[in-house]
């Protein structure tokens, strides 16, 4: 389950308010110290990219376009619209489908980004269902990997667990 309390950082926010032909990266941080990322594109931006691809011969002359991460297509780029979309995705349970886990908040993140006072909850952890789902995917990938890859990954996991136990 994703908490409703969130901190949103929008790339290049200082110049993007109300744009109808733009794209920005958005990082959402939750009190459990997890960061999630997605890209927001306007409908007009997608159209502009397609026209550019048609003119310049990219990707079968504009027949397709590949995103490097999840994208959300909106009518306009503004903080208000982005917050509305994120809040709705959290409420309806679609957030994890459209945002990639971007890692844990590091100390330098806290210094660089202005989080509200007492934002982080040290007792809050990543949703177990998310971890279990990815562990299951990893197990399936390991089943399809060479013995050498399995051993390397499992040694890394066991080393991490031993280190966590030693310091925990």
C-alpha atoms as a PDB file:
ATOM      1  CA  UNK A   1       0.000   0.000   0.000  1.00  0.00           C
ATOM      2  CA  UNK A   2       1.267   3.469  -0.869  1.00  0.00           C
ATOM      3  CA  UNK A   3       0.883   6.276   1.662  1.00  0.00           C
ATOM      4  CA  UNK A   4      -0.988   9.448   0.740  1.00  0.00           C
ATOM      5  CA  UNK A   5       1.736  11.602   2.332  1.00  0.00           C
ATOM      6  CA  UNK A   6       4.244  12.307  -0.437  1.00  0.00           C
ATOM      7  CA  UNK A   7       6.887  14.757  -1.616  1.00  0.00           C
ATOM      8  CA  UNK A   8       6.982  15.538  -5.343  1.00  0.00           C
ATOM      9  CA  UNK A   9      10.075  16.822  -7.167  1.00  0.00           C
ATOM     10  CA  UNK A  10       9.523  17.911 -10.758  1.00  0.00           C
ATOM     11  CA  UNK A  11      12.516  18.261 -13.059  1.00  0.00           C
ATOM     12  CA  UNK A  12      12.987  21.795 -14.433  1.00  0.00           C
ATOM     13  CA  UNK A  13       9.951  22.996 -12.515  1.00  0.00           C
ATOM     14  CA  UNK A  14      11.088  26.611 -12.470  1.00  0.00           C
ATOM     15  CA  UNK A  15      10.179  27.067 -16.163  1.00  0.00           C
ATOM     16  CA  UNK A  16       7.497  24.493 -16.874  1.00  0.00           C
ATOM     17  CA  UNK A  17       4.228  25.807 -15.433  1.00  0.00           C
ATOM     18  CA  UNK A  18       1.250  25.366 -17.762  1.00  0.00           C
ATOM     19  CA  UNK A  19       3.187  24.060 -20.732  1.00  0.00           C
ATOM     20  CA  UNK A  20       1.218  22.173 -23.357  1.00  0.00           C
ATOM     21  CA  UNK A  21       4.202  20.896 -25.374  1.00  0.00           C
ATOM     22  CA  UNK A  22       6.681  19.536 -22.845  1.00  0.00           C
ATOM     23  CA  UNK A  23       7.945  16.600 -20.853  1.00  0.00           C
ATOM     24  CA  UNK A  24       9.401  16.388 -17.345  1.00  0.00           C
ATOM     25  CA  UNK A  25      10.697  13.718 -15.017  1.00  0.00           C
ATOM     26  CA  UNK A  26       8.912  13.432 -11.683  1.00  0.00           C
ATOM     27  CA  UNK A  27      10.291  11.860  -8.510  1.00  0.00           C
ATOM     28  CA  UNK A  28       7.889  11.023  -5.698  1.00  0.00           C
ATOM     29  CA  UNK A  29       9.269  10.329  -2.229  1.00  0.00           C
ATOM     30  CA  UNK A  30       7.278   8.700   0.567  1.00  0.00           C
ATOM     31  CA  UNK A  31       7.815   8.742   4.353  1.00  0.00           C
ATOM     32  CA  UNK A  32       9.275   5.212   4.167  1.00  0.00           C
ATOM     33  CA  UNK A  33      12.291   6.798   2.388  1.00  0.00           C
ATOM     34  CA  UNK A  34      11.494   5.272  -1.008  1.00  0.00           C
ATOM     35  CA  UNK A  35      11.779   7.260  -4.243  1.00  0.00           C
ATOM     36  CA  UNK A  36       9.777   6.534  -7.400  1.00  0.00           C
ATOM     37  CA  UNK A  37      10.204   8.032 -10.872  1.00  0.00           C
ATOM     38  CA  UNK A  38       8.106   8.492 -13.999  1.00  0.00           C
ATOM     39  CA  UNK A  39       8.054  10.832 -16.981  1.00  0.00           C
ATOM     40  CA  UNK A  40       5.152  13.100 -17.805  1.00  0.00           C
ATOM     41  CA  UNK A  41       4.602  14.034 -21.452  1.00  0.00           C
ATOM     42  CA  UNK A  42       1.891  16.205 -22.897  1.00  0.00           C
ATOM     43  CA  UNK A  43      -0.209  14.941 -25.759  1.00  0.00           C
ATOM     44  CA  UNK A  44       1.143  17.793 -27.890  1.00  0.00           C
ATOM     45  CA  UNK A  45       4.741  16.812 -27.015  1.00  0.00           C
ATOM     46  CA  UNK A  46       4.106  13.270 -28.287  1.00  0.00           C
ATOM     47  CA  UNK A  47       2.678  14.731 -31.497  1.00  0.00           C
ATOM     48  CA  UNK A  48       5.685  17.062 -31.881  1.00  0.00           C
ATOM     49  CA  UNK A  49       8.118  14.186 -31.401  1.00  0.00           C
ATOM     50  CA  UNK A  50       6.276  12.104 -33.978  1.00  0.00           C
ATOM     51  CA  UNK A  51       6.432  14.951 -36.506  1.00  0.00           C
ATOM     52  CA  UNK A  52      10.149  15.336 -35.826  1.00  0.00           C
ATOM     53  CA  UNK A  53      10.653  11.591 -36.298  1.00  0.00           C
ATOM     54  CA  UNK A  54       8.717  11.701 -39.577  1.00  0.00           C
ATOM     55  CA  UNK A  55      10.812  14.599 -40.902  1.00  0.00           C
ATOM     56  CA  UNK A  56      14.161  13.222 -39.754  1.00  0.00           C
ATOM     57  CA  UNK A  57      13.628   9.555 -40.577  1.00  0.00           C
ATOM     58  CA  UNK A  58      13.915   8.215 -37.028  1.00  0.00           C
ATOM     59  CA  UNK A  59      12.287   4.913 -36.048  1.00  0.00           C
ATOM     60  CA  UNK A  60      10.699   3.775 -39.310  1.00  0.00           C
ATOM     61  CA  UNK A  61       9.792   7.375 -40.141  1.00  0.00           C
ATOM     62  CA  UNK A  62       7.761   7.987 -36.985  1.00  0.00           C
ATOM     63  CA  UNK A  63       6.025   4.601 -36.871  1.00  0.00           C
ATOM     64  CA  UNK A  64       6.968   4.105 -33.217  1.00  0.00           C
ATOM     65  CA  UNK A  65       8.658   5.674 -30.235  1.00  0.00           C
ATOM     66  CA  UNK A  66      10.191   3.910 -27.246  1.00  0.00           C
ATOM     67  CA  UNK A  67      10.255   5.318 -23.747  1.00  0.00           C
ATOM     68  CA  UNK A  68      13.109   4.410 -21.433  1.00  0.00           C
ATOM     69  CA  UNK A  69      10.841   4.379 -18.393  1.00  0.00           C
ATOM     70  CA  UNK A  70       7.137   4.596 -17.626  1.00  0.00           C
ATOM     71  CA  UNK A  71       5.367   7.598 -19.040  1.00  0.00           C
ATOM     72  CA  UNK A  72       2.179   9.367 -18.163  1.00  0.00           C
ATOM     73  CA  UNK A  73       0.531  11.462 -20.857  1.00  0.00           C
ATOM     74  CA  UNK A  74      -1.274  14.588 -19.678  1.00  0.00           C
ATOM     75  CA  UNK A  75      -3.011  17.560 -21.256  1.00  0.00           C
ATOM     76  CA  UNK A  76      -0.600  20.089 -19.717  1.00  0.00           C
ATOM     77  CA  UNK A  77       2.498  20.136 -17.548  1.00  0.00           C
ATOM     78  CA  UNK A  78       1.884  21.936 -14.275  1.00  0.00           C
ATOM     79  CA  UNK A  79       2.482  21.110 -10.606  1.00  0.00           C
ATOM     80  CA  UNK A  80      -1.263  21.094 -10.018  1.00  0.00           C
ATOM     81  CA  UNK A  81      -1.944  18.591 -12.815  1.00  0.00           C
ATOM     82  CA  UNK A  82       0.962  16.343 -11.783  1.00  0.00           C
ATOM     83  CA  UNK A  83      -0.205  16.322  -8.148  1.00  0.00           C
ATOM     84  CA  UNK A  84      -3.765  15.493  -9.265  1.00  0.00           C
ATOM     85  CA  UNK A  85      -2.547  12.548 -11.347  1.00  0.00           C
ATOM     86  CA  UNK A  86      -0.252  11.212  -8.607  1.00  0.00           C
ATOM     87  CA  UNK A  87      -2.937  11.497  -5.932  1.00  0.00           C
ATOM     88  CA  UNK A  88      -5.451   9.693  -8.135  1.00  0.00           C
ATOM     89  CA  UNK A  89      -2.940   6.936  -8.932  1.00  0.00           C
ATOM     90  CA  UNK A  90      -2.217   6.479  -5.218  1.00  0.00           C
ATOM     91  CA  UNK A  91      -5.936   6.408  -4.416  1.00  0.00           C
ATOM     92  CA  UNK A  92      -6.830   3.929  -7.171  1.00  0.00           C
ATOM     93  CA  UNK A  93      -3.797   1.670  -6.658  1.00  0.00           C
ATOM     94  CA  UNK A  94      -2.196   2.369 -10.046  1.00  0.00           C
ATOM     95  CA  UNK A  95       0.857   4.233  -8.765  1.00  0.00           C
ATOM     96  CA  UNK A  96       3.295   1.285  -8.841  1.00  0.00           C
ATOM     97  CA  UNK A  97       2.257   0.468 -12.403  1.00  0.00           C
ATOM     98  CA  UNK A  98       3.286   3.904 -13.699  1.00  0.00           C
ATOM     99  CA  UNK A  99       6.259   4.740 -11.474  1.00  0.00           C
ATOM    100  CA  UNK A 100       9.524   2.808 -11.205  1.00  0.00           C
ATOM    101  CA  UNK A 101      11.163   2.260  -7.850  1.00  0.00           C
ATOM    102  CA  UNK A 102      14.103   4.682  -7.857  1.00  0.00           C
ATOM    103  CA  UNK A 103      15.837   3.585  -4.670  1.00  0.00           C
ATOM    104  CA  UNK A 104      16.074   4.719  -1.103  1.00  0.00           C
ATOM    105  CA  UNK A 105      16.563   8.309  -0.038  1.00  0.00           C
ATOM    106  CA  UNK A 106      20.217   8.984   0.719  1.00  0.00           C
ATOM    107  CA  UNK A 107      21.582  11.616   3.095  1.00  0.00           C
ATOM    108  CA  UNK A 108      22.665  13.809   0.162  1.00  0.00           C
ATOM    109  CA  UNK A 109      19.066  13.685  -1.144  1.00  0.00           C
ATOM    110  CA  UNK A 110      17.815  15.071   2.147  1.00  0.00           C
ATOM    111  CA  UNK A 111      20.326  17.911   2.005  1.00  0.00           C
ATOM    112  CA  UNK A 112      19.645  18.712  -1.683  1.00  0.00           C
ATOM    113  CA  UNK A 113      15.831  18.546  -1.624  1.00  0.00           C
ATOM    114  CA  UNK A 114      13.703  20.447   0.815  1.00  0.00           C
ATOM    115  CA  UNK A 115      11.610  17.842   2.590  1.00  0.00           C
ATOM    116  CA  UNK A 116       9.102  19.032   5.188  1.00  0.00           C
ATOM    117  CA  UNK A 117      10.194  18.712   8.798  1.00  0.00           C
ATOM    118  CA  UNK A 118       9.461  15.251  10.254  1.00  0.00           C
ATOM    119  CA  UNK A 119       8.519  13.963   6.782  1.00  0.00           C
ATOM    120  CA  UNK A 120      10.313  10.623   7.096  1.00  0.00           C
ATOM    121  CA  UNK A 121       8.975   7.804   9.258  1.00  0.00           C
ATOM    122  CA  UNK A 122      11.883   5.573  10.286  1.00  0.00           C
ATOM    123  CA  UNK A 123       9.533   2.729  11.239  1.00  0.00           C
ATOM    124  CA  UNK A 124       7.850   2.702   7.809  1.00  0.00           C
ATOM    125  CA  UNK A 125       9.251   0.228   5.279  1.00  0.00           C
ATOM    126  CA  UNK A 126       8.748  -0.692   1.633  1.00  0.00           C
ATOM    127  CA  UNK A 127       5.474  -2.529   1.003  1.00  0.00           C
ATOM    128  CA  UNK A 128       6.140  -6.278   1.499  1.00  0.00           C
ATOM    129  CA  UNK A 129       3.935  -7.201  -1.490  1.00  0.00           C
ATOM    130  CA  UNK A 130       6.191  -5.123  -3.770  1.00  0.00           C
ATOM    131  CA  UNK A 131       9.338  -6.791  -2.432  1.00  0.00           C
ATOM    132  CA  UNK A 132       7.746 -10.253  -2.684  1.00  0.00           C
ATOM    133  CA  UNK A 133       6.677  -9.635  -6.273  1.00  0.00           C
ATOM    134  CA  UNK A 134      10.189  -8.620  -7.300  1.00  0.00           C
ATOM    135  CA  UNK A 135      11.749 -11.481  -5.355  1.00  0.00           C
ATOM    136  CA  UNK A 136       9.483 -13.848  -7.283  1.00  0.00           C
ATOM    137  CA  UNK A 137      10.575 -12.270 -10.577  1.00  0.00           C
ATOM    138  CA  UNK A 138      14.220 -12.581  -9.541  1.00  0.00           C
ATOM    139  CA  UNK A 139      13.702 -16.258  -8.689  1.00  0.00           C
ATOM    140  CA  UNK A 140      12.199 -16.853 -12.137  1.00  0.00           C
ATOM    141  CA  UNK A 141      15.105 -15.048 -13.824  1.00  0.00           C
ATOM    142  CA  UNK A 142      17.624 -17.052 -11.813  1.00  0.00           C
ATOM    143  CA  UNK A 143      15.906 -20.253 -12.981  1.00  0.00           C
ATOM    144  CA  UNK A 144      16.646 -19.131 -16.555  1.00  0.00           C
ATOM    145  CA  UNK A 145      20.238 -18.047 -15.816  1.00  0.00           C
ATOM    146  CA  UNK A 146      23.515 -19.895 -15.911  1.00  0.00           C
ATOM    147  CA  UNK A 147      24.881 -21.510 -12.761  1.00  0.00           C
ATOM    148  CA  UNK A 148      27.614 -18.851 -12.670  1.00  0.00           C
ATOM    149  CA  UNK A 149      25.079 -16.009 -12.656  1.00  0.00           C
ATOM    150  CA  UNK A 150      22.969 -17.726  -9.962  1.00  0.00           C
ATOM    151  CA  UNK A 151      26.008 -18.203  -7.733  1.00  0.00           C
ATOM    152  CA  UNK A 152      27.141 -14.587  -8.188  1.00  0.00           C
ATOM    153  CA  UNK A 153      23.707 -13.163  -7.385  1.00  0.00           C
ATOM    154  CA  UNK A 154      23.104 -15.458  -4.429  1.00  0.00           C
ATOM    155  CA  UNK A 155      26.552 -14.712  -2.978  1.00  0.00           C
ATOM    156  CA  UNK A 156      25.777 -11.008  -3.275  1.00  0.00           C
ATOM    157  CA  UNK A 157      22.428 -11.446  -1.509  1.00  0.00           C
ATOM    158  CA  UNK A 158      23.943 -13.617   1.222  1.00  0.00           C
ATOM    159  CA  UNK A 159      26.769 -11.088   1.694  1.00  0.00           C
ATOM    160  CA  UNK A 160      24.220  -8.306   2.030  1.00  0.00           C
ATOM    161  CA  UNK A 161      22.193 -10.311   4.554  1.00  0.00           C
ATOM    162  CA  UNK A 162      25.300 -11.150   6.597  1.00  0.00           C
ATOM    163  CA  UNK A 163      26.405  -7.492   6.580  1.00  0.00           C
ATOM    164  CA  UNK A 164      22.920  -6.332   7.592  1.00  0.00           C
ATOM    165  CA  UNK A 165      22.853  -8.886  10.424  1.00  0.00           C
ATOM    166  CA  UNK A 166      26.328  -7.841  11.642  1.00  0.00           C
ATOM    167  CA  UNK A 167      25.338  -4.161  11.770  1.00  0.00           C
ATOM    168  CA  UNK A 168      21.702  -4.643  12.793  1.00  0.00           C
END
